Amino acid sequence: MNVMTGDVIEVDVDGDAISALVLLATPEAVIVDPCDGSTPLVFRPEHLTAVRIFDGAAA
């Protein structure tokens, strides 16, 4: 798993791409906050295969 706590990511949820802040990343779970007022989402790390991590240096 290459997602770390504090990363800003884009992930597909129910066919829609969402941007989110990674609140906690452990080998057991990844908790992300879409920062839109909704409840944070919890993923198992193996389900984040198509995650895109924002790289501020490349922007």
N, C-alpha and C. Protein backbone atom coordinates (compact mmCIF):
# COMPACT_ATOMS: atom_id res chain seq x y z
N MET A 1 0.85 -1.18 0.00
CA MET A 1 0.00 0.00 0.00
C MET A 1 0.89 1.24 0.00
N ASN A 2 0.62 2.17 -0.89
CA ASN A 2 1.43 3.38 -0.96
C ASN A 2 0.71 4.63 -0.47
N VAL A 3 -0.49 4.48 0.07
CA VAL A 3 -1.25 5.60 0.63
C VAL A 3 -0.80 5.83 2.05
N MET A 4 -0.55 7.10 2.39
CA MET A 4 -0.09 7.43 3.74
C MET A 4 -1.01 8.47 4.37
N THR A 5 -1.05 8.48 5.69
CA THR A 5 -1.81 9.49 6.43
C THR A 5 -1.39 10.88 5.96
N GLY A 6 -2.37 11.72 5.66
CA GLY A 6 -2.10 13.08 5.20
C GLY A 6 -2.14 13.26 3.70
N ASP A 7 -2.12 12.17 2.94
CA ASP A 7 -2.20 12.26 1.48
C ASP A 7 -3.56 12.79 1.04
N VAL A 8 -3.57 13.46 -0.09
CA VAL A 8 -4.80 13.83 -0.77
C VAL A 8 -4.90 12.86 -1.95
N ILE A 9 -6.03 12.16 -2.03
CA ILE A 9 -6.18 11.12 -3.04
C ILE A 9 -7.44 11.33 -3.85
N GLU A 10 -7.49 10.64 -4.97
CA GLU A 10 -8.72 10.53 -5.74
C GLU A 10 -8.99 9.05 -5.87
N VAL A 11 -10.22 8.65 -5.56
CA VAL A 11 -10.60 7.25 -5.57
C VAL A 11 -12.00 7.12 -6.15
N ASP A 12 -12.26 6.00 -6.79
CA ASP A 12 -13.59 5.75 -7.34
C ASP A 12 -14.49 5.13 -6.29
N VAL A 13 -15.66 5.74 -6.09
CA VAL A 13 -16.66 5.24 -5.14
C VAL A 13 -17.98 5.15 -5.89
N ASP A 14 -18.48 3.95 -6.04
CA ASP A 14 -19.75 3.71 -6.75
C ASP A 14 -19.74 4.33 -8.15
N GLY A 15 -18.61 4.24 -8.84
CA GLY A 15 -18.51 4.74 -10.20
C GLY A 15 -18.18 6.21 -10.33
N ASP A 16 -18.11 6.93 -9.21
CA ASP A 16 -17.77 8.36 -9.24
C ASP A 16 -16.39 8.57 -8.63
N ALA A 17 -15.60 9.45 -9.22
CA ALA A 17 -14.30 9.80 -8.67
C ALA A 17 -14.50 10.87 -7.60
N ILE A 18 -13.92 10.64 -6.42
CA ILE A 18 -13.98 11.65 -5.35
C ILE A 18 -12.56 11.96 -4.89
N SER A 19 -12.36 13.19 -4.47
CA SER A 19 -11.10 13.58 -3.84
C SER A 19 -11.30 13.53 -2.34
N ALA A 20 -10.27 13.11 -1.62
CA ALA A 20 -10.40 12.96 -0.18
C ALA A 20 -9.04 13.09 0.50
N LEU A 21 -9.09 13.46 1.76
CA LEU A 21 -7.91 13.53 2.62
C LEU A 21 -7.81 12.24 3.40
N VAL A 22 -6.64 11.62 3.42
CA VAL A 22 -6.43 10.38 4.18
C VAL A 22 -6.21 10.77 5.64
N LEU A 23 -7.17 10.41 6.49
CA LEU A 23 -7.08 10.72 7.91
C LEU A 23 -6.20 9.72 8.64
N LEU A 24 -6.26 8.45 8.23
CA LEU A 24 -5.48 7.40 8.88
C LEU A 24 -5.25 6.28 7.88
N ALA A 25 -4.02 5.83 7.78
CA ALA A 25 -3.69 4.71 6.89
C ALA A 25 -2.89 3.69 7.69
N THR A 26 -3.47 2.51 7.86
CA THR A 26 -2.81 1.41 8.55
C THR A 26 -2.89 0.18 7.66
N PRO A 27 -2.18 -0.88 7.99
CA PRO A 27 -2.29 -2.10 7.19
C PRO A 27 -3.70 -2.71 7.22
N GLU A 28 -4.51 -2.36 8.22
CA GLU A 28 -5.86 -2.92 8.35
C GLU A 28 -6.94 -2.07 7.71
N ALA A 29 -6.78 -0.75 7.69
CA ALA A 29 -7.84 0.14 7.20
C ALA A 29 -7.26 1.48 6.77
N VAL A 30 -7.98 2.11 5.83
CA VAL A 30 -7.66 3.47 5.41
C VAL A 30 -8.94 4.28 5.58
N ILE A 31 -8.85 5.36 6.36
CA ILE A 31 -10.00 6.22 6.61
C ILE A 31 -9.77 7.53 5.86
N VAL A 32 -10.74 7.89 5.01
CA VAL A 32 -10.60 9.10 4.20
C VAL A 32 -11.79 10.02 4.44
N ASP A 33 -11.54 11.32 4.34
CA ASP A 33 -12.58 12.33 4.51
C ASP A 33 -12.72 13.08 3.18
N PRO A 34 -13.90 12.98 2.54
CA PRO A 34 -14.10 13.71 1.29
C PRO A 34 -14.20 15.23 1.47
N CYS A 35 -14.21 15.71 2.72
CA CYS A 35 -14.24 17.14 3.03
C CYS A 35 -15.45 17.84 2.40
N ASP A 36 -16.56 17.12 2.35
CA ASP A 36 -17.79 17.70 1.80
C ASP A 36 -18.93 17.67 2.80
N GLY A 37 -18.61 17.44 4.06
CA GLY A 37 -19.63 17.39 5.09
C GLY A 37 -20.20 16.00 5.31
N SER A 38 -19.83 15.05 4.48
CA SER A 38 -20.33 13.69 4.64
C SER A 38 -19.45 12.91 5.62
N THR A 39 -19.92 11.75 6.00
CA THR A 39 -19.19 10.89 6.93
C THR A 39 -17.92 10.36 6.27
N PRO A 40 -16.80 10.31 7.00
CA PRO A 40 -15.58 9.71 6.44
C PRO A 40 -15.84 8.27 5.99
N LEU A 41 -15.07 7.84 5.01
CA LEU A 41 -15.19 6.51 4.43
C LEU A 41 -14.05 5.63 4.91
N VAL A 42 -14.34 4.35 5.08
CA VAL A 42 -13.32 3.39 5.52
C VAL A 42 -13.15 2.35 4.42
N PHE A 43 -11.91 2.12 4.04
CA PHE A 43 -11.58 1.13 3.03
C PHE A 43 -10.57 0.14 3.58
N ARG A 44 -10.60 -1.06 3.08
CA ARG A 44 -9.52 -2.00 3.32
C ARG A 44 -8.44 -1.64 2.30
N PRO A 45 -7.17 -1.64 2.70
CA PRO A 45 -6.10 -1.22 1.79
C PRO A 45 -6.10 -1.96 0.45
N GLU A 46 -6.44 -3.24 0.46
CA GLU A 46 -6.42 -4.00 -0.80
C GLU A 46 -7.52 -3.56 -1.77
N HIS A 47 -8.49 -2.77 -1.31
CA HIS A 47 -9.54 -2.27 -2.19
C HIS A 47 -9.17 -0.93 -2.83
N LEU A 48 -8.02 -0.39 -2.48
CA LEU A 48 -7.57 0.90 -3.04
C LEU A 48 -6.56 0.68 -4.16
N THR A 49 -6.87 -0.20 -5.07
CA THR A 49 -5.93 -0.50 -6.15
C THR A 49 -5.89 0.60 -7.22
N ALA A 50 -6.99 1.33 -7.41
CA ALA A 50 -7.04 2.36 -8.45
C ALA A 50 -6.96 3.77 -7.86
N VAL A 51 -6.37 3.90 -6.70
CA VAL A 51 -6.26 5.21 -6.06
C VAL A 51 -5.20 6.06 -6.77
N ARG A 52 -5.48 7.35 -6.88
CA ARG A 52 -4.52 8.30 -7.44
C ARG A 52 -4.13 9.27 -6.34
N ILE A 53 -2.84 9.42 -6.10
CA ILE A 53 -2.32 10.26 -5.02
C ILE A 53 -1.89 11.60 -5.62
N PHE A 54 -2.38 12.70 -5.03
CA PHE A 54 -2.00 14.03 -5.48
C PHE A 54 -0.54 14.30 -5.12
N ASP A 55 0.21 14.76 -6.10
CA ASP A 55 1.62 15.11 -5.89
C ASP A 55 1.77 16.60 -6.15
N GLY A 56 1.85 17.37 -5.10
CA GLY A 56 1.95 18.82 -5.21
C GLY A 56 3.18 19.28 -6.00
N ALA A 57 4.26 18.51 -5.95
CA ALA A 57 5.48 18.87 -6.68
C ALA A 57 5.29 18.77 -8.18
N ALA A 58 4.38 17.89 -8.61
CA ALA A 58 4.15 17.71 -10.03
C ALA A 58 3.10 18.68 -10.59
N ALA A 59 2.40 19.38 -9.70
CA ALA A 59 1.32 20.28 -10.13
C ALA A 59 1.86 21.59 -10.67
